[in-house]
N, C-alpha and C. Protein backbone atom coordinates (compact mmCIF):
# COMPACT_ATOMS: atom_id res chain seq x y z
N UNK A 1 97.20 82.71 110.76
CA UNK A 1 97.80 82.59 112.07
C UNK A 1 96.99 83.42 113.04
N UNK A 2 97.19 83.13 114.32
CA UNK A 2 96.52 83.94 115.34
C UNK A 2 97.33 83.88 116.63
N UNK A 3 97.16 84.90 117.46
CA UNK A 3 97.81 84.93 118.77
C UNK A 3 97.13 83.88 119.64
N UNK A 4 97.91 83.06 120.33
CA UNK A 4 97.35 82.02 121.19
C UNK A 4 96.48 82.66 122.27
N UNK A 5 95.29 82.12 122.43
CA UNK A 5 94.30 82.73 123.32
C UNK A 5 94.65 82.65 124.80
N UNK A 6 95.55 81.76 125.18
CA UNK A 6 95.89 81.63 126.59
C UNK A 6 96.87 82.70 127.08
N UNK A 7 97.34 83.53 126.16
CA UNK A 7 98.26 84.60 126.54
C UNK A 7 97.52 85.93 126.63
N UNK A 8 97.90 86.73 127.60
CA UNK A 8 97.32 88.06 127.81
C UNK A 8 98.44 89.06 128.06
N UNK A 9 98.17 90.31 127.78
CA UNK A 9 99.11 91.39 128.08
C UNK A 9 98.62 92.09 129.34
N UNK A 10 99.52 92.26 130.27
CA UNK A 10 99.23 92.98 131.51
C UNK A 10 100.33 94.03 131.70
N UNK A 11 99.96 95.12 132.34
CA UNK A 11 100.96 96.14 132.66
C UNK A 11 101.50 95.86 134.06
N UNK A 12 102.80 95.64 134.12
CA UNK A 12 103.47 95.35 135.39
C UNK A 12 104.66 96.29 135.50
N UNK A 13 104.67 97.07 136.56
CA UNK A 13 105.75 98.03 136.81
C UNK A 13 106.01 98.92 135.59
N UNK A 14 104.94 99.35 134.94
CA UNK A 14 105.06 100.26 133.81
C UNK A 14 105.45 99.60 132.50
N UNK A 15 105.57 98.28 132.48
CA UNK A 15 105.91 97.55 131.26
C UNK A 15 104.73 96.71 130.81
N UNK A 16 104.55 96.59 129.50
CA UNK A 16 103.52 95.71 128.93
C UNK A 16 104.14 94.33 128.81
N UNK A 17 103.64 93.39 129.62
CA UNK A 17 104.23 92.06 129.74
C UNK A 17 103.22 91.01 129.29
N UNK A 18 103.68 90.05 128.51
CA UNK A 18 102.84 88.93 128.08
C UNK A 18 102.90 87.86 129.17
N UNK A 19 101.71 87.42 129.60
CA UNK A 19 101.64 86.37 130.62
C UNK A 19 100.78 85.22 130.10
N UNK A 20 101.04 84.04 130.66
CA UNK A 20 100.24 82.87 130.35
C UNK A 20 99.10 82.84 131.36
N UNK A 21 97.89 83.06 130.86
CA UNK A 21 96.70 83.19 131.70
C UNK A 21 96.35 81.87 132.37
N UNK A 22 96.04 81.91 133.67
CA UNK A 22 95.48 80.76 134.36
C UNK A 22 96.47 79.72 134.81
N UNK A 23 97.73 80.00 134.81
CA UNK A 23 98.73 79.04 135.27
C UNK A 23 99.39 79.59 136.52
N UNK A 24 99.08 79.00 137.64
CA UNK A 24 99.63 79.46 138.91
C UNK A 24 101.12 79.27 139.04
N UNK A 25 101.64 78.22 138.44
CA UNK A 25 103.07 77.93 138.54
C UNK A 25 103.78 78.17 137.22
N UNK A 26 103.50 79.26 136.58
CA UNK A 26 104.09 79.57 135.27
C UNK A 26 105.59 79.76 135.40
N UNK A 27 106.28 79.38 134.36
CA UNK A 27 107.72 79.57 134.28
C UNK A 27 107.98 81.03 133.95
N UNK A 28 108.52 81.76 134.88
CA UNK A 28 108.77 83.18 134.67
C UNK A 28 110.22 83.46 134.29
N UNK A 29 110.93 82.44 133.78
CA UNK A 29 112.31 82.66 133.38
C UNK A 29 112.39 83.42 132.06
N UNK A 30 111.31 83.45 131.31
CA UNK A 30 111.26 84.21 130.07
C UNK A 30 110.19 85.28 130.19
N UNK A 31 110.62 86.52 130.22
CA UNK A 31 109.71 87.64 130.30
C UNK A 31 109.62 88.26 128.91
N UNK A 32 108.41 88.43 128.42
CA UNK A 32 108.19 89.02 127.10
C UNK A 32 107.53 90.37 127.31
N UNK A 33 108.23 91.41 126.93
CA UNK A 33 107.67 92.76 127.03
C UNK A 33 107.39 93.27 125.62
N UNK A 34 106.41 94.13 125.52
CA UNK A 34 106.02 94.69 124.24
C UNK A 34 106.22 96.20 124.24
N UNK A 35 106.87 96.70 123.20
CA UNK A 35 106.96 98.15 123.06
C UNK A 35 105.63 98.67 122.52
N UNK A 36 105.51 99.96 122.30
CA UNK A 36 104.24 100.54 121.88
C UNK A 36 103.72 99.97 120.55
N UNK A 37 104.61 99.79 119.60
CA UNK A 37 104.19 99.26 118.29
C UNK A 37 103.76 97.81 118.40
N UNK A 38 104.51 97.02 119.14
CA UNK A 38 104.16 95.61 119.34
C UNK A 38 102.84 95.48 120.09
N UNK A 39 102.62 96.34 121.07
CA UNK A 39 101.36 96.33 121.81
C UNK A 39 100.20 96.71 120.89
N UNK A 40 100.41 97.70 120.04
CA UNK A 40 99.37 98.09 119.08
C UNK A 40 98.99 96.90 118.19
N UNK A 41 99.99 96.22 117.65
CA UNK A 41 99.72 95.06 116.80
C UNK A 41 98.98 93.98 117.58
N UNK A 42 99.43 93.71 118.80
CA UNK A 42 98.77 92.70 119.64
C UNK A 42 97.29 93.06 119.83
N UNK A 43 97.05 94.30 120.24
CA UNK A 43 95.67 94.73 120.53
C UNK A 43 94.78 94.69 119.29
N UNK A 44 95.33 95.04 118.14
CA UNK A 44 94.53 95.08 116.91
C UNK A 44 94.29 93.69 116.33
N UNK A 45 95.20 92.75 116.57
CA UNK A 45 95.12 91.44 115.91
C UNK A 45 94.71 90.30 116.85
N UNK A 46 94.71 90.55 118.15
CA UNK A 46 94.35 89.50 119.11
C UNK A 46 92.92 89.01 118.85
N UNK A 47 92.76 87.69 118.89
CA UNK A 47 91.44 87.10 118.71
C UNK A 47 91.00 86.99 117.27
N UNK A 48 91.88 87.31 116.33
CA UNK A 48 91.55 87.27 114.91
C UNK A 48 92.57 86.41 114.16
N UNK A 49 92.12 85.81 113.08
CA UNK A 49 93.06 85.22 112.14
C UNK A 49 93.67 86.38 111.36
N UNK A 50 94.99 86.35 111.20
CA UNK A 50 95.64 87.45 110.48
C UNK A 50 96.83 86.94 109.69
N UNK A 51 97.26 87.76 108.75
CA UNK A 51 98.46 87.52 107.95
C UNK A 51 99.40 88.70 108.17
N UNK A 52 100.61 88.55 107.72
CA UNK A 52 101.59 89.64 107.85
C UNK A 52 101.04 90.91 107.22
N UNK A 53 100.30 90.78 106.13
CA UNK A 53 99.73 91.95 105.45
C UNK A 53 98.79 92.73 106.37
N UNK A 54 98.08 92.03 107.25
CA UNK A 54 97.20 92.71 108.20
C UNK A 54 98.03 93.55 109.18
N UNK A 55 99.14 93.01 109.63
CA UNK A 55 100.02 93.75 110.53
C UNK A 55 100.61 94.97 109.82
N UNK A 56 100.97 94.80 108.56
CA UNK A 56 101.48 95.93 107.77
C UNK A 56 100.43 97.03 107.70
N UNK A 57 99.20 96.65 107.42
CA UNK A 57 98.11 97.64 107.33
C UNK A 57 97.91 98.38 108.64
N UNK A 58 97.97 97.66 109.76
CA UNK A 58 97.81 98.31 111.07
C UNK A 58 98.89 99.36 111.26
N UNK A 59 100.13 99.00 110.94
CA UNK A 59 101.23 99.95 111.12
C UNK A 59 101.10 101.16 110.19
N UNK A 60 100.73 100.92 108.94
CA UNK A 60 100.58 102.03 107.99
C UNK A 60 99.43 102.96 108.38
N UNK A 61 98.36 102.40 108.92
CA UNK A 61 97.21 103.21 109.33
C UNK A 61 97.48 103.99 110.61
N UNK A 62 98.39 103.49 111.44
CA UNK A 62 98.62 104.09 112.76
C UNK A 62 99.82 105.04 112.80
N UNK A 63 100.75 104.84 111.89
CA UNK A 63 101.98 105.64 111.89
C UNK A 63 102.22 106.19 110.49
N UNK A 64 102.86 107.33 110.42
CA UNK A 64 103.28 107.86 109.13
C UNK A 64 104.60 107.18 108.77
N UNK A 65 104.47 106.06 108.08
CA UNK A 65 105.64 105.26 107.76
C UNK A 65 105.47 104.66 106.37
N UNK A 66 106.57 104.52 105.65
CA UNK A 66 106.53 103.91 104.32
C UNK A 66 106.11 102.45 104.45
N UNK A 67 105.43 101.97 103.43
CA UNK A 67 104.95 100.58 103.47
C UNK A 67 106.11 99.60 103.61
N UNK A 68 107.23 99.91 102.99
CA UNK A 68 108.40 99.00 103.09
C UNK A 68 108.92 98.92 104.52
N UNK A 69 108.90 100.03 105.23
CA UNK A 69 109.33 100.04 106.63
C UNK A 69 108.32 99.27 107.48
N UNK A 70 107.04 99.49 107.24
CA UNK A 70 106.00 98.76 107.96
C UNK A 70 106.10 97.26 107.68
N UNK A 71 106.42 96.89 106.45
CA UNK A 71 106.57 95.47 106.10
C UNK A 71 107.72 94.83 106.86
N UNK A 72 108.84 95.52 106.92
CA UNK A 72 109.99 94.99 107.68
C UNK A 72 109.65 94.84 109.16
N UNK A 73 108.99 95.84 109.72
CA UNK A 73 108.63 95.81 111.14
C UNK A 73 107.60 94.72 111.42
N UNK A 74 106.60 94.58 110.55
CA UNK A 74 105.56 93.57 110.74
C UNK A 74 106.15 92.17 110.65
N UNK A 75 107.03 91.95 109.68
CA UNK A 75 107.67 90.65 109.54
C UNK A 75 108.53 90.32 110.76
N UNK A 76 109.24 91.32 111.27
CA UNK A 76 110.06 91.11 112.46
C UNK A 76 109.19 90.79 113.67
N UNK A 77 108.04 91.47 113.80
CA UNK A 77 107.12 91.21 114.91
C UNK A 77 106.58 89.79 114.85
N UNK A 78 106.13 89.38 113.67
CA UNK A 78 105.60 88.02 113.52
C UNK A 78 106.68 86.99 113.81
N UNK A 79 107.88 87.20 113.30
CA UNK A 79 108.99 86.26 113.55
C UNK A 79 109.27 86.14 115.04
N UNK A 80 109.31 87.26 115.73
CA UNK A 80 109.59 87.24 117.17
C UNK A 80 108.46 86.57 117.94
N UNK A 81 107.23 86.81 117.54
CA UNK A 81 106.08 86.17 118.18
C UNK A 81 106.15 84.65 117.98
N UNK A 82 106.56 84.23 116.78
CA UNK A 82 106.71 82.80 116.51
C UNK A 82 107.81 82.20 117.38
N UNK A 83 108.94 82.88 117.47
CA UNK A 83 110.07 82.41 118.28
C UNK A 83 109.69 82.24 119.75
N UNK A 84 108.79 83.10 120.22
CA UNK A 84 108.34 83.05 121.61
C UNK A 84 107.17 82.08 121.82
N UNK A 85 106.70 81.48 120.74
CA UNK A 85 105.60 80.51 120.84
C UNK A 85 104.25 81.13 121.11
N UNK A 86 104.05 82.37 120.69
CA UNK A 86 102.81 83.09 120.97
C UNK A 86 101.79 83.03 119.83
N UNK A 87 102.17 82.41 118.71
CA UNK A 87 101.29 82.33 117.54
C UNK A 87 100.99 80.88 117.23
N UNK A 88 99.73 80.65 116.86
CA UNK A 88 99.34 79.31 116.41
C UNK A 88 98.79 79.41 115.00
N UNK A 89 98.76 78.28 114.31
CA UNK A 89 98.29 78.25 112.92
C UNK A 89 97.07 77.36 112.79
């Protein structure tokens, strides 16, 4: 899987917001914000093919957290990204 290339993260009013790049009339009824961990995963995995295991590794390398906790968080991040239509296969 990979993050769709037409999406970018921009900081707006102190929030990390996902926007659809290059669309002047984008539907702004759904705002997607990223917390620090989600932003870290986005930045580390953007532009790459990745699996949930890659996200787990990023979290384990960046935070002092048990692998089981990182696995739960990584799976939740991927699921939410899929629900928002931000991942392609």
